[in-house]
Protein backbone atom coordinates (compact mmCIF):
# COMPACT_ATOMS: atom_id res chain seq x y z
CA MET A 1 13.64 25.66 -35.82
CA GLY A 2 15.01 24.74 -32.47
CA SER A 3 17.95 22.97 -30.98
CA ARG A 4 20.52 21.19 -33.11
CA THR A 5 23.13 18.61 -32.27
CA GLY A 6 25.69 16.62 -34.20
CA ASN A 7 29.11 18.08 -34.84
CA GLU A 8 31.19 15.67 -36.84
CA GLU A 9 30.98 14.89 -40.53
CA GLY A 10 28.74 11.92 -41.03
CA GLU A 11 27.04 12.51 -37.69
CA PRO A 12 23.43 13.55 -38.09
CA GLY A 13 22.11 16.80 -36.70
CA LEU A 14 18.93 16.41 -34.71
CA ARG A 15 16.46 19.27 -34.87
CA GLN A 16 13.59 19.86 -32.50
CA LEU A 17 10.71 21.00 -34.69
CA GLY A 18 8.11 21.58 -32.01
CA HIS A 19 5.51 19.36 -30.39
CA GLY A 20 8.12 16.66 -29.78
CA THR A 21 8.92 16.08 -33.47
CA ILE A 22 12.59 15.43 -34.18
CA ARG A 23 14.01 15.31 -37.68
CA VAL A 24 17.53 14.18 -38.57
CA MET A 25 19.68 16.08 -41.02
CA GLU A 26 22.62 14.08 -42.28
CA PHE A 27 26.04 15.29 -43.38
CA ARG A 28 28.38 13.37 -45.65
CA ALA A 29 31.66 13.93 -47.44
CA ALA A 30 31.40 15.41 -50.92
CA THR A 31 32.46 12.93 -53.62
CA ASP A 32 33.14 12.98 -57.34
CA ASP A 33 29.51 11.95 -57.83
CA ASP A 34 28.47 15.37 -56.47
CA LEU A 35 29.78 17.46 -59.37
CA ASP A 36 26.32 18.25 -60.80
CA LEU A 37 25.03 19.07 -57.31
CA LEU A 38 27.97 21.41 -56.69
CA TYR A 39 27.35 23.22 -59.98
CA ASP A 40 23.68 23.61 -59.04
CA LEU A 41 24.68 24.98 -55.65
CA MET A 42 27.29 27.28 -57.17
CA LEU A 43 24.49 28.70 -59.32
CA GLU A 44 22.46 29.14 -56.13
CA ALA A 45 25.41 31.01 -54.56
CA PHE A 46 25.87 33.25 -57.60
CA ASN A 47 22.14 34.07 -57.58
CA TRP A 48 22.07 34.45 -53.77
CA ASP A 49 19.64 37.38 -53.75
CA GLY A 50 16.99 35.59 -55.81
CA THR A 51 17.83 37.53 -58.96
CA ARG A 52 18.57 35.20 -61.88
CA ARG A 53 21.82 36.89 -62.91
CA PHE A 54 23.36 33.65 -64.19
CA THR A 55 22.09 30.44 -65.76
CA ARG A 56 23.43 26.97 -65.02
CA SER A 57 24.94 26.71 -68.51
CA GLU A 58 26.79 30.00 -67.98
CA VAL A 59 28.17 28.78 -64.65
CA VAL A 60 29.32 25.46 -66.14
CA ALA A 61 30.91 27.17 -69.19
CA ASP A 62 32.69 29.92 -67.23
CA THR A 63 36.47 29.45 -67.21
CA HIS A 64 36.84 31.12 -63.81
CA THR A 65 34.20 28.86 -62.27
CA ALA A 66 36.12 25.86 -63.63
CA ARG A 67 38.91 26.74 -61.20
CA TYR A 68 36.63 25.71 -58.35
CA LEU A 69 35.00 22.60 -59.81
CA GLY A 70 36.90 21.53 -62.93
CA GLY A 71 38.11 17.96 -62.50
CA TRP A 72 36.26 17.59 -59.18
CA ILE A 73 37.46 15.82 -57.05
CA ARG A 74 41.23 16.41 -57.31
CA PRO A 75 43.81 15.53 -54.67
CA GLY A 76 43.42 18.04 -51.84
CA ASP A 77 39.77 18.87 -52.62
CA PHE A 78 37.26 18.27 -49.85
CA GLY A 79 33.74 19.17 -48.88
CA VAL A 80 30.56 18.34 -47.02
CA VAL A 81 26.99 17.85 -48.26
CA ALA A 82 23.90 18.39 -46.08
CA VAL A 83 21.04 15.98 -46.75
CA ASP A 84 17.54 16.52 -45.37
CA GLU A 85 14.81 13.94 -45.89
CA GLY A 86 16.93 12.16 -48.49
CA ARG A 87 17.78 15.15 -50.66
CA PRO A 88 20.77 17.51 -50.66
CA VAL A 89 19.98 20.97 -49.27
CA GLY A 90 23.45 22.47 -49.21
CA ALA A 91 27.15 21.91 -49.52
CA VAL A 92 30.51 23.46 -48.88
CA TRP A 93 33.54 22.52 -50.93
CA ALA A 94 37.19 23.58 -50.82
CA ARG A 95 40.09 23.68 -53.22
CA ALA A 96 43.55 25.23 -52.93
CA LEU A 97 44.17 27.41 -55.96
CA PRO A 98 47.58 28.66 -57.15
CA ALA A 99 48.54 32.33 -57.43
CA ALA A 100 48.84 31.82 -61.19
CA ALA A 101 45.09 30.98 -61.40
CA PRO A 102 43.51 32.47 -58.27
CA GLY A 103 39.88 32.37 -57.25
CA TYR A 104 37.79 35.37 -56.23
CA GLY A 105 38.77 34.86 -52.57
CA TYR A 106 42.40 33.87 -53.10
CA VAL A 107 44.72 34.51 -50.15
CA ASP A 108 47.61 32.04 -50.47
CA ASP A 109 48.48 28.80 -52.27
CA ASP A 110 48.34 27.02 -48.90
CA ILE A 111 44.84 28.24 -48.02
CA PRO A 112 41.95 26.48 -49.77
CA GLU A 113 39.13 28.68 -50.97
CA ILE A 114 35.61 27.53 -50.23
CA GLY A 115 32.41 27.65 -52.20
CA MET A 116 29.20 27.20 -50.29
CA ALA A 117 25.47 27.34 -50.81
CA VAL A 118 22.26 26.29 -49.13
CA THR A 119 19.08 25.89 -51.16
CA SER A 120 16.67 28.78 -50.76
CA GLU A 121 14.05 26.63 -49.00
CA ALA A 122 16.61 25.41 -46.42
CA ARG A 123 18.07 28.82 -45.51
CA GLY A 124 17.64 30.15 -42.00
CA ARG A 125 17.59 26.68 -40.43
CA GLY A 126 21.24 26.40 -39.36
CA VAL A 127 22.35 24.36 -42.38
CA GLY A 128 25.04 26.88 -43.36
CA THR A 129 26.45 27.01 -39.84
CA ALA A 130 26.57 23.20 -39.64
CA LEU A 131 28.25 22.92 -43.04
CA LEU A 132 30.81 25.62 -42.35
CA THR A 133 31.67 24.19 -38.92
CA ARG A 134 32.25 20.77 -40.45
CA CYS A 135 34.37 22.25 -43.25
CA ILE A 136 36.55 24.14 -40.77
CA ASN A 137 37.04 20.96 -38.72
CA GLN A 138 37.82 18.97 -41.86
CA ALA A 139 40.39 21.55 -43.04
CA ARG A 140 42.11 21.49 -39.64
CA THR A 141 42.20 17.68 -39.65
CA LEU A 142 43.74 17.72 -43.13
CA GLY A 143 46.46 20.10 -41.91
CA TRP A 144 45.49 23.28 -43.76
CA LYS A 145 46.42 26.57 -42.06
CA GLY A 146 43.16 28.31 -42.88
CA LEU A 147 40.28 28.79 -45.32
CA SER A 148 39.33 31.74 -47.50
CA LEU A 149 36.25 32.85 -49.41
CA SER A 150 34.72 35.70 -51.33
CA VAL A 151 31.40 37.29 -50.43
CA GLU A 152 29.55 39.80 -52.57
CA ASP A 153 28.43 43.18 -51.28
CA GLY A 154 24.91 43.06 -49.90
CA ASN A 155 25.00 39.39 -48.89
CA THR A 156 24.59 40.28 -45.22
CA ALA A 157 23.33 36.87 -44.11
CA ALA A 158 26.45 35.18 -45.51
CA CYS A 159 28.77 37.82 -44.02
CA THR A 160 27.16 37.37 -40.61
CA LEU A 161 27.58 33.59 -40.82
CA TYR A 162 31.22 33.85 -41.87
CA GLU A 163 32.06 36.36 -39.15
CA ARG A 164 30.30 34.21 -36.54
CA CYS A 165 32.53 31.30 -37.65
CA GLY A 166 35.71 33.37 -37.26
CA PHE A 167 36.30 34.71 -40.78
CA VAL A 168 37.66 38.26 -41.06
CA THR A 169 37.86 40.53 -44.09
CA VAL A 170 41.42 40.69 -45.44
CA GLY A 171 40.94 42.18 -48.90
CA ARG A 172 38.62 43.27 -51.63
CA THR A 173 38.16 42.32 -55.28
CA GLY A 174 35.59 44.21 -57.33
CA ASN A 175 32.33 44.29 -55.37
CA SER A 176 33.30 41.46 -53.01
CA ASP A 177 35.22 41.07 -49.78
CA THR A 178 37.86 38.39 -49.37
CA MET A 179 37.57 36.74 -45.97
CA LEU A 180 40.02 34.48 -44.14
CA ARG A 181 39.69 32.04 -41.26
CA LYS A 182 43.09 31.10 -39.82
CA PHE A 183 43.65 28.08 -37.60
């Protein structure tokens, strides 16, 4: 824990770990080679509280989940992967979904919905903040007018992160809030 720097995609984040030790966390664009990683992280997001409510095979087979990752990477899709000591520890990915096949956090056809997860061992180290900041900057650069997401009741850490990054609750579906970050 400690100070972090590095704000642009591809730019490493330096972390002061104490006693003068500095470790570099790298960030890179998500690619079509990341599909398995994104499914693993989506499973992590679905099981955010540590309860194994879903299996990987259920996540991959789910038709609603396919809206977010089916055919990854399609035109308009984008995302960022955090890599620490050579292995991915989190990612955020975005896709604009149509009203005819909305996601859980659908707001508008012109607002991509994000999926995001950080591995359990990397949580609480600023990885989520770094990923979300990079995703917001990437969406702005690409000309999107905002980002949306869905967050399940009880996921206080995620809600706090999203609010800190400018997302506000704009709706509700089932036991989840829909949040929006306009630019």
